[in-house]
Amino acid sequence: MQEITLLVNNRPYSGTVEARTTLADFLRHSLGLKGTHLGCEHGVCGACTVLVDGASVRGCLMLAVQAEGAIVETVEGLAADDGTLHRLQEAFSKEHGLQCGFCTPGMLMTLIELLRENPSPTETEVREAISGNLCRCTGYQSIVRAVLSVTGRPVGAAGDL
């Protein structure tokens, strides 16, 4: 067992974990944050994507002990304390950017990173950002539309060719 201290969704956590526990398993089982989904467990599908110190990581590939001292953000941390959804979550709902919902937490966290780095991405940039996240339900168009709706950029805008 190893001691770790980190900040998860603006809440401090200190405790012990098995050295080989993945960050995704730690979040799900130790902290009860079930929004971080496990799909492939090989870093391919993106369902387990979380932000560590602002950068997206695959929670299934990172060990919890590697997050020592880090700031970790999960999909549960996007909504306000009063339950008000983040504007990107609202856009996903309005634009039907989710169906089964399995990929949605990883998509949202990937896109939060994109929007922090580039508040007005082109359609091409959005598609590139989510290229490592698999979605078998939506065909991606509604996800792209949701992101562009929060930026005010229409689908197929100039510069997207």
N, C-alpha and C. Protein backbone atom coordinates (compact mmCIF):
# COMPACT_ATOMS: atom_id res chain seq x y z
N MET A 1 0.85 -1.19 0.00
CA MET A 1 0.00 0.00 0.00
C MET A 1 0.89 1.25 0.00
N GLN A 2 0.40 2.27 -0.70
CA GLN A 2 1.14 3.52 -0.77
C GLN A 2 0.22 4.68 -0.41
N GLU A 3 0.77 5.65 0.26
CA GLU A 3 0.04 6.86 0.63
C GLU A 3 -0.02 7.80 -0.58
N ILE A 4 -1.20 8.38 -0.82
CA ILE A 4 -1.31 9.41 -1.84
C ILE A 4 -2.18 10.55 -1.32
N THR A 5 -1.88 11.73 -1.81
CA THR A 5 -2.66 12.92 -1.52
C THR A 5 -2.87 13.64 -2.84
N LEU A 6 -4.10 13.95 -3.15
CA LEU A 6 -4.41 14.64 -4.39
C LEU A 6 -5.71 15.41 -4.24
N LEU A 7 -5.98 16.24 -5.23
CA LEU A 7 -7.21 17.02 -5.25
C LEU A 7 -8.07 16.47 -6.38
N VAL A 8 -9.26 15.99 -6.06
CA VAL A 8 -10.16 15.42 -7.07
C VAL A 8 -11.43 16.27 -7.10
N ASN A 9 -11.67 16.89 -8.23
CA ASN A 9 -12.84 17.77 -8.39
C ASN A 9 -12.91 18.81 -7.26
N ASN A 10 -11.77 19.42 -6.99
CA ASN A 10 -11.63 20.47 -5.97
C ASN A 10 -11.85 19.99 -4.54
N ARG A 11 -11.75 18.69 -4.33
CA ARG A 11 -11.88 18.14 -2.98
C ARG A 11 -10.59 17.38 -2.64
N PRO A 12 -10.00 17.66 -1.49
CA PRO A 12 -8.77 16.96 -1.13
C PRO A 12 -9.03 15.50 -0.76
N TYR A 13 -8.07 14.66 -1.11
CA TYR A 13 -8.15 13.25 -0.74
C TYR A 13 -6.76 12.80 -0.29
N SER A 14 -6.71 12.12 0.83
CA SER A 14 -5.48 11.48 1.30
C SER A 14 -5.85 10.09 1.74
N GLY A 15 -5.04 9.13 1.37
CA GLY A 15 -5.31 7.76 1.76
C GLY A 15 -4.26 6.82 1.21
N THR A 16 -4.56 5.55 1.29
CA THR A 16 -3.63 4.54 0.79
C THR A 16 -4.27 3.78 -0.36
N VAL A 17 -3.43 3.38 -1.30
CA VAL A 17 -3.87 2.57 -2.43
C VAL A 17 -2.83 1.49 -2.70
N GLU A 18 -3.29 0.42 -3.30
CA GLU A 18 -2.36 -0.59 -3.77
C GLU A 18 -1.52 0.04 -4.87
N ALA A 19 -0.26 -0.29 -4.92
CA ALA A 19 0.66 0.32 -5.88
C ALA A 19 0.23 0.12 -7.33
N ARG A 20 -0.46 -0.97 -7.63
CA ARG A 20 -0.83 -1.27 -9.02
C ARG A 20 -2.27 -0.86 -9.38
N THR A 21 -2.92 -0.12 -8.51
CA THR A 21 -4.29 0.33 -8.79
C THR A 21 -4.25 1.44 -9.83
N THR A 22 -5.06 1.29 -10.89
CA THR A 22 -5.10 2.35 -11.89
C THR A 22 -5.87 3.55 -11.36
N LEU A 23 -5.63 4.69 -11.97
CA LEU A 23 -6.34 5.89 -11.57
C LEU A 23 -7.84 5.71 -11.77
N ALA A 24 -8.23 5.06 -12.87
CA ALA A 24 -9.66 4.83 -13.13
C ALA A 24 -10.28 3.96 -12.03
N ASP A 25 -9.62 2.89 -11.66
CA ASP A 25 -10.14 2.03 -10.60
C ASP A 25 -10.19 2.76 -9.26
N PHE A 26 -9.18 3.56 -8.98
CA PHE A 26 -9.16 4.36 -7.75
C PHE A 26 -10.35 5.31 -7.71
N LEU A 27 -10.58 6.02 -8.81
CA LEU A 27 -11.69 6.97 -8.87
C LEU A 27 -13.03 6.26 -8.70
N ARG A 28 -13.18 5.14 -9.37
CA ARG A 28 -14.45 4.41 -9.34
C ARG A 28 -14.68 3.71 -8.00
N HIS A 29 -13.69 2.99 -7.52
CA HIS A 29 -13.89 2.12 -6.36
C HIS A 29 -13.56 2.78 -5.02
N SER A 30 -12.51 3.58 -4.97
CA SER A 30 -12.15 4.22 -3.70
C SER A 30 -12.95 5.50 -3.45
N LEU A 31 -13.21 6.26 -4.53
CA LEU A 31 -13.91 7.53 -4.36
C LEU A 31 -15.37 7.49 -4.79
N GLY A 32 -15.79 6.39 -5.42
CA GLY A 32 -17.19 6.26 -5.84
C GLY A 32 -17.57 7.12 -7.02
N LEU A 33 -16.59 7.58 -7.78
CA LEU A 33 -16.84 8.41 -8.96
C LEU A 33 -16.98 7.50 -10.18
N LYS A 34 -18.19 7.04 -10.40
CA LYS A 34 -18.46 6.03 -11.43
C LYS A 34 -18.55 6.60 -12.85
N GLY A 35 -18.46 7.91 -13.00
CA GLY A 35 -18.54 8.51 -14.33
C GLY A 35 -17.36 8.18 -15.22
N THR A 36 -16.22 7.88 -14.63
CA THR A 36 -15.06 7.47 -15.40
C THR A 36 -15.27 6.02 -15.79
N HIS A 37 -15.58 5.80 -17.05
CA HIS A 37 -15.93 4.45 -17.51
C HIS A 37 -14.70 3.67 -17.95
N LEU A 38 -14.80 2.37 -17.83
CA LEU A 38 -13.75 1.47 -18.30
C LEU A 38 -14.30 0.69 -19.48
N GLY A 39 -13.66 0.86 -20.62
CA GLY A 39 -14.08 0.16 -21.83
C GLY A 39 -13.06 -0.90 -22.20
N CYS A 40 -12.03 -0.46 -22.89
CA CYS A 40 -11.04 -1.41 -23.42
C CYS A 40 -9.97 -1.77 -22.40
N GLU A 41 -9.70 -0.89 -21.45
CA GLU A 41 -8.64 -1.02 -20.46
C GLU A 41 -7.26 -1.15 -21.10
N HIS A 42 -7.12 -0.60 -22.31
CA HIS A 42 -5.84 -0.58 -23.02
C HIS A 42 -5.51 0.81 -23.54
N GLY A 43 -6.28 1.83 -23.16
CA GLY A 43 -6.01 3.19 -23.59
C GLY A 43 -6.46 3.52 -25.00
N VAL A 44 -7.30 2.68 -25.58
CA VAL A 44 -7.69 2.85 -26.98
C VAL A 44 -9.02 3.58 -27.13
N CYS A 45 -9.99 3.33 -26.25
CA CYS A 45 -11.35 3.83 -26.49
C CYS A 45 -11.62 5.23 -25.96
N GLY A 46 -10.88 5.68 -24.95
CA GLY A 46 -11.07 7.02 -24.41
C GLY A 46 -12.16 7.18 -23.37
N ALA A 47 -12.88 6.11 -23.05
CA ALA A 47 -13.98 6.20 -22.09
C ALA A 47 -13.51 6.59 -20.69
N CYS A 48 -12.27 6.31 -20.38
CA CYS A 48 -11.73 6.56 -19.04
C CYS A 48 -10.97 7.89 -18.95
N THR A 49 -11.10 8.74 -19.95
CA THR A 49 -10.34 9.99 -19.98
C THR A 49 -10.74 10.92 -18.83
N VAL A 50 -9.72 11.38 -18.12
CA VAL A 50 -9.87 12.38 -17.06
C VAL A 50 -8.78 13.42 -17.28
N LEU A 51 -8.86 14.52 -16.57
CA LEU A 51 -7.81 15.53 -16.65
C LEU A 51 -6.94 15.45 -15.41
N VAL A 52 -5.64 15.42 -15.61
CA VAL A 52 -4.67 15.44 -14.52
C VAL A 52 -3.80 16.67 -14.75
N ASP A 53 -3.87 17.59 -13.81
CA ASP A 53 -3.19 18.88 -13.95
C ASP A 53 -3.52 19.54 -15.28
N GLY A 54 -4.78 19.41 -15.69
CA GLY A 54 -5.28 20.07 -16.88
C GLY A 54 -5.08 19.33 -18.19
N ALA A 55 -4.35 18.23 -18.17
CA ALA A 55 -4.09 17.46 -19.40
C ALA A 55 -4.88 16.16 -19.39
N SER A 56 -5.43 15.81 -20.54
CA SER A 56 -6.21 14.57 -20.61
C SER A 56 -5.28 13.37 -20.53
N VAL A 57 -5.71 12.39 -19.75
CA VAL A 57 -4.98 11.12 -19.61
C VAL A 57 -5.99 9.99 -19.63
N ARG A 58 -5.51 8.84 -20.00
CA ARG A 58 -6.33 7.63 -19.95
C ARG A 58 -6.20 7.06 -18.54
N GLY A 59 -7.29 7.10 -17.81
CA GLY A 59 -7.28 6.63 -16.43
C GLY A 59 -6.96 5.16 -16.29
N CYS A 60 -7.18 4.39 -17.36
CA CYS A 60 -6.88 2.95 -17.30
C CYS A 60 -5.39 2.68 -17.46
N LEU A 61 -4.63 3.66 -17.94
CA LEU A 61 -3.20 3.46 -18.16
C LEU A 61 -2.34 4.11 -17.09
N MET A 62 -2.90 5.02 -16.34
CA MET A 62 -2.15 5.73 -15.31
C MET A 62 -2.42 5.08 -13.95
N LEU A 63 -1.37 4.91 -13.19
CA LEU A 63 -1.54 4.38 -11.84
C LEU A 63 -1.97 5.51 -10.90
N ALA A 64 -2.76 5.18 -9.93
CA ALA A 64 -3.22 6.18 -8.96
C ALA A 64 -2.04 6.85 -8.27
N VAL A 65 -1.00 6.09 -7.96
CA VAL A 65 0.16 6.66 -7.28
C VAL A 65 0.89 7.69 -8.14
N GLN A 66 0.73 7.60 -9.46
CA GLN A 66 1.33 8.59 -10.35
C GLN A 66 0.62 9.94 -10.27
N ALA A 67 -0.57 9.95 -9.70
CA ALA A 67 -1.33 11.19 -9.55
C ALA A 67 -1.04 11.87 -8.22
N GLU A 68 -0.08 11.38 -7.49
CA GLU A 68 0.31 11.98 -6.21
C GLU A 68 0.53 13.48 -6.38
N GLY A 69 -0.16 14.27 -5.56
CA GLY A 69 0.00 15.71 -5.58
C GLY A 69 -0.69 16.42 -6.74
N ALA A 70 -1.40 15.69 -7.57
CA ALA A 70 -2.01 16.26 -8.77
C ALA A 70 -3.41 16.79 -8.51
N ILE A 71 -3.87 17.57 -9.47
CA ILE A 71 -5.26 18.02 -9.52
C ILE A 71 -5.94 17.16 -10.57
N VAL A 72 -6.92 16.37 -10.14
CA VAL A 72 -7.63 15.46 -11.03
C VAL A 72 -9.05 15.98 -11.22
N GLU A 73 -9.49 16.00 -12.48
CA GLU A 73 -10.85 16.43 -12.79
C GLU A 73 -11.56 15.29 -13.52
N THR A 74 -12.77 14.99 -13.06
CA THR A 74 -13.59 13.96 -13.69
C THR A 74 -14.90 14.59 -14.16
N VAL A 75 -15.68 13.82 -14.87
CA VAL A 75 -16.96 14.34 -15.38
C VAL A 75 -17.87 14.79 -14.24
N GLU A 76 -17.76 14.18 -13.08
CA GLU A 76 -18.59 14.58 -11.94
C GLU A 76 -18.29 16.00 -11.49
N GLY A 77 -17.10 16.49 -11.79
CA GLY A 77 -16.71 17.83 -11.39
C GLY A 77 -17.13 18.93 -12.35
N LEU A 78 -17.75 18.57 -13.46
CA LEU A 78 -18.14 19.59 -14.45
C LEU A 78 -19.35 20.40 -14.00
N ALA A 79 -20.34 19.74 -13.45
CA ALA A 79 -21.55 20.44 -13.02
C ALA A 79 -21.26 21.27 -11.77
N ALA A 80 -22.01 22.34 -11.60
CA ALA A 80 -21.89 23.17 -10.40
C ALA A 80 -22.41 22.41 -9.19
N ASP A 81 -22.05 22.87 -8.02
CA ASP A 81 -22.49 22.22 -6.78
C ASP A 81 -24.01 22.14 -6.67
N ASP A 82 -24.71 23.09 -7.28
CA ASP A 82 -26.17 23.08 -7.22
C ASP A 82 -26.80 22.18 -8.29
N GLY A 83 -25.95 21.50 -9.06
CA GLY A 83 -26.46 20.58 -10.08
C GLY A 83 -26.59 21.18 -11.47
N THR A 84 -26.33 22.47 -11.59
CA THR A 84 -26.39 23.11 -12.91
C THR A 84 -25.30 22.52 -13.80
N LEU A 85 -25.72 22.04 -14.96
CA LEU A 85 -24.77 21.42 -15.87
C LEU A 85 -23.81 22.44 -16.48
N HIS A 86 -22.62 21.98 -16.80
CA HIS A 86 -21.64 22.77 -17.55
C HIS A 86 -22.24 23.07 -18.92
N ARG A 87 -21.87 24.16 -19.53
CA ARG A 87 -22.45 24.53 -20.83
C ARG A 87 -22.19 23.48 -21.90
N LEU A 88 -21.08 22.75 -21.82
CA LEU A 88 -20.83 21.69 -22.79
C LEU A 88 -21.76 20.51 -22.55
N GLN A 89 -22.04 20.19 -21.29
CA GLN A 89 -23.01 19.14 -20.99
C GLN A 89 -24.39 19.53 -21.52
N GLU A 90 -24.77 20.78 -21.32
CA GLU A 90 -26.06 21.27 -21.83
C GLU A 90 -26.12 21.14 -23.35
N ALA A 91 -25.02 21.48 -24.01
CA ALA A 91 -24.97 21.40 -25.47
C ALA A 91 -25.07 19.95 -25.94
N PHE A 92 -24.43 19.03 -25.24
CA PHE A 92 -24.53 17.61 -25.59
C PHE A 92 -25.98 17.17 -25.52
N SER A 93 -26.69 17.61 -24.51
CA SER A 93 -28.10 17.26 -24.36
C SER A 93 -28.93 17.88 -25.48
N LYS A 94 -28.75 19.15 -25.71
CA LYS A 94 -29.54 19.87 -26.71
C LYS A 94 -29.29 19.34 -28.13
N GLU A 95 -28.04 19.03 -28.44
CA GLU A 95 -27.67 18.61 -29.80
C GLU A 95 -27.68 17.08 -29.96
N HIS A 96 -28.13 16.37 -28.95
CA HIS A 96 -28.18 14.90 -28.98
C HIS A 96 -26.79 14.31 -29.20
N GLY A 97 -25.82 14.84 -28.46
CA GLY A 97 -24.43 14.38 -28.57
C GLY A 97 -24.16 13.11 -27.80
N LEU A 98 -25.20 12.47 -27.32
CA LEU A 98 -25.02 11.20 -26.64
C LEU A 98 -26.24 10.32 -26.91
N GLN A 99 -26.00 9.04 -26.89
CA GLN A 99 -27.11 8.09 -27.00
C GLN A 99 -27.00 7.12 -25.84
N CYS A 100 -26.11 6.16 -25.92
CA CYS A 100 -26.01 5.22 -24.79
C CYS A 100 -25.30 5.88 -23.61
N GLY A 101 -24.44 6.88 -23.87
CA GLY A 101 -23.78 7.61 -22.81
C GLY A 101 -22.47 7.02 -22.33
N PHE A 102 -22.07 5.87 -22.83
CA PHE A 102 -20.86 5.24 -22.32
C PHE A 102 -19.62 6.06 -22.61
N CYS A 103 -19.51 6.60 -23.80
CA CYS A 103 -18.32 7.37 -24.18
C CYS A 103 -18.37 8.81 -23.68
N THR A 104 -19.54 9.27 -23.28
CA THR A 104 -19.77 10.69 -23.00
C THR A 104 -18.81 11.29 -21.97
N PRO A 105 -18.56 10.66 -20.82
CA PRO A 105 -17.64 11.27 -19.87
C PRO A 105 -16.24 11.50 -20.45
N GLY A 106 -15.73 10.52 -21.17
CA GLY A 106 -14.41 10.68 -21.78
C GLY A 106 -14.41 11.74 -22.87
N MET A 107 -15.48 11.78 -23.66
CA MET A 107 -15.61 12.82 -24.69
C MET A 107 -15.63 14.20 -24.04
N LEU A 108 -16.45 14.36 -23.01
CA LEU A 108 -16.56 15.66 -22.35
C LEU A 108 -15.22 16.12 -21.80
N MET A 109 -14.50 15.24 -21.14
CA MET A 109 -13.22 15.65 -20.55
C MET A 109 -12.20 15.98 -21.63
N THR A 110 -12.19 15.22 -22.71
CA THR A 110 -11.30 15.53 -23.84
C THR A 110 -11.63 16.90 -24.41
N LEU A 111 -12.91 17.18 -24.55
CA LEU A 111 -13.34 18.44 -25.15
C LEU A 111 -13.18 19.62 -24.20
N ILE A 112 -13.27 19.40 -22.91
CA ILE A 112 -12.99 20.46 -21.94
C ILE A 112 -11.54 20.91 -22.11
N GLU A 113 -10.64 19.94 -22.23
CA GLU A 113 -9.23 20.29 -22.44
C GLU A 113 -9.08 21.11 -23.73
N LEU A 114 -9.71 20.66 -24.80
CA LEU A 114 -9.64 21.39 -26.07
C LEU A 114 -10.13 22.83 -25.91
N LEU A 115 -11.30 23.00 -25.30
CA LEU A 115 -11.89 24.33 -25.18
C LEU A 115 -11.09 25.25 -24.26
N ARG A 116 -10.40 24.70 -23.29
CA ARG A 116 -9.54 25.52 -22.45
C ARG A 116 -8.32 26.01 -23.24
N GLU A 117 -7.81 25.16 -24.11
CA GLU A 117 -6.65 25.52 -24.91
C GLU A 117 -7.03 26.37 -26.12
N ASN A 118 -8.22 26.14 -26.66
CA ASN A 118 -8.67 26.80 -27.87
C ASN A 118 -10.18 27.05 -27.75
N PRO A 119 -10.57 28.20 -27.24
CA PRO A 119 -12.00 28.48 -27.00
C PRO A 119 -12.86 28.54 -28.26
N SER A 120 -12.23 28.61 -29.43
CA SER A 120 -13.01 28.71 -30.66
C SER A 120 -12.44 27.76 -31.73
N PRO A 121 -12.49 26.45 -31.47
CA PRO A 121 -11.91 25.52 -32.44
C PRO A 121 -12.75 25.41 -33.70
N THR A 122 -12.09 25.06 -34.78
CA THR A 122 -12.81 24.78 -36.02
C THR A 122 -13.40 23.38 -35.94
N GLU A 123 -14.26 23.07 -36.88
CA GLU A 123 -14.84 21.73 -36.94
C GLU A 123 -13.73 20.69 -37.07
N THR A 124 -12.74 20.97 -37.89
CA THR A 124 -11.62 20.04 -38.07
C THR A 124 -10.86 19.84 -36.77
N GLU A 125 -10.64 20.91 -36.02
CA GLU A 125 -9.93 20.81 -34.74
C GLU A 125 -10.73 20.00 -33.73
N VAL A 126 -12.04 20.15 -33.72
CA VAL A 126 -12.88 19.35 -32.83
C VAL A 126 -12.76 17.88 -33.20
N ARG A 127 -12.87 17.59 -34.48
CA ARG A 127 -12.77 16.20 -34.94
C ARG A 127 -11.41 15.60 -34.60
N GLU A 128 -10.35 16.37 -34.75
CA GLU A 128 -9.01 15.88 -34.40
C GLU A 128 -8.92 15.61 -32.90
N ALA A 129 -9.50 16.49 -32.09
CA ALA A 129 -9.43 16.34 -30.63
C ALA A 129 -10.11 15.05 -30.17
N ILE A 130 -11.23 14.70 -30.81
CA ILE A 130 -11.96 13.50 -30.37
C ILE A 130 -11.58 12.25 -31.15
N SER A 131 -10.56 12.35 -31.98
CA SER A 131 -10.18 11.20 -32.81
C SER A 131 -9.72 10.00 -31.99
N GLY A 132 -9.33 10.21 -30.74
CA GLY A 132 -8.91 9.11 -29.88
C GLY A 132 -10.01 8.60 -28.98
N ASN A 133 -11.23 9.09 -29.17
CA ASN A 133 -12.37 8.66 -28.37
C ASN A 133 -13.37 7.94 -29.27
N LEU A 134 -13.67 6.71 -28.93
CA LEU A 134 -14.60 5.93 -29.74
C LEU A 134 -16.04 6.13 -29.29
N CYS A 135 -16.92 6.30 -30.27
CA CYS A 135 -18.35 6.37 -30.02
C CYS A 135 -19.02 5.51 -31.08
N ARG A 136 -19.77 4.52 -30.65
CA ARG A 136 -20.41 3.62 -31.60
C ARG A 136 -21.86 3.97 -31.88
N CYS A 137 -22.37 5.01 -31.23
CA CYS A 137 -23.79 5.34 -31.36
C CYS A 137 -24.07 6.56 -32.21
N THR A 138 -23.32 7.65 -32.00
CA THR A 138 -23.74 8.93 -32.55
C THR A 138 -23.24 9.23 -33.96
N GLY A 139 -22.16 8.59 -34.38
CA GLY A 139 -21.57 8.96 -35.65
C GLY A 139 -20.79 10.27 -35.56
N TYR A 140 -20.60 10.80 -34.37
CA TYR A 140 -19.77 11.96 -34.07
C TYR A 140 -20.35 13.31 -34.50
N GLN A 141 -21.20 13.36 -35.50
CA GLN A 141 -21.67 14.65 -36.00
C GLN A 141 -22.38 15.46 -34.92
N SER A 142 -23.21 14.82 -34.13
CA SER A 142 -23.93 15.55 -33.08
C SER A 142 -22.99 16.01 -31.97
N ILE A 143 -21.92 15.27 -31.75
CA ILE A 143 -20.91 15.69 -30.76
C ILE A 143 -20.21 16.94 -31.27
N VAL A 144 -19.80 16.92 -32.52
CA VAL A 144 -19.14 18.08 -33.12
C VAL A 144 -20.07 19.28 -33.10
N ARG A 145 -21.32 19.07 -33.44
CA ARG A 145 -22.31 20.15 -33.44
C ARG A 145 -22.47 20.74 -32.03
N ALA A 146 -22.46 19.89 -31.02
CA ALA A 146 -22.58 20.37 -29.64
C ALA A 146 -21.41 21.27 -29.27
N VAL A 147 -20.20 20.86 -29.61
CA VAL A 147 -19.02 21.67 -29.29
C VAL A 147 -19.08 23.00 -30.02
N LEU A 148 -19.38 22.95 -31.30
CA LEU A 148 -19.42 24.19 -32.08
C LEU A 148 -20.54 25.11 -31.60
N SER A 149 -21.61 24.55 -31.05
CA SER A 149 -22.70 25.40 -30.56
C SER A 149 -22.27 26.22 -29.34
N VAL A 150 -21.38 25.70 -28.52
CA VAL A 150 -20.92 26.48 -27.36
C VAL A 150 -19.87 27.51 -27.75
N THR A 151 -19.27 27.34 -28.92
CA THR A 151 -18.27 28.31 -29.38
C THR A 151 -18.88 29.36 -30.29
N GLY A 152 -20.11 29.11 -30.74
CA GLY A 152 -20.77 30.03 -31.65
C GLY A 152 -20.33 29.86 -33.09
N ARG A 153 -19.56 28.82 -33.36
CA ARG A 153 -19.07 28.57 -34.71
C ARG A 153 -19.98 27.55 -35.38
N PRO A 154 -20.53 27.87 -36.55
CA PRO A 154 -21.41 26.91 -37.22
C PRO A 154 -20.64 25.74 -37.83
N VAL A 155 -21.31 24.61 -37.95
CA VAL A 155 -20.71 23.45 -38.62
C VAL A 155 -20.42 23.84 -40.05
N GLY A 156 -19.22 23.47 -40.53
CA GLY A 156 -18.84 23.78 -41.90
C GLY A 156 -18.42 25.23 -42.09
N ALA A 157 -18.00 25.89 -41.01
CA ALA A 157 -17.58 27.29 -41.11
C ALA A 157 -16.32 27.43 -41.96
N ALA A 158 -16.11 28.61 -42.47
CA ALA A 158 -14.91 28.87 -43.27
C ALA A 158 -13.67 28.51 -42.45
N GLY A 159 -12.69 27.95 -43.11
CA GLY A 159 -11.47 27.53 -42.43
C GLY A 159 -11.52 26.08 -42.01
N ASP A 160 -12.61 25.39 -42.28
CA ASP A 160 -12.75 24.00 -41.88
C ASP A 160 -12.46 23.02 -43.02
N LEU A 161 -12.04 23.52 -44.15
CA LEU A 161 -11.81 22.64 -45.29
C LEU A 161 -10.51 21.89 -45.17
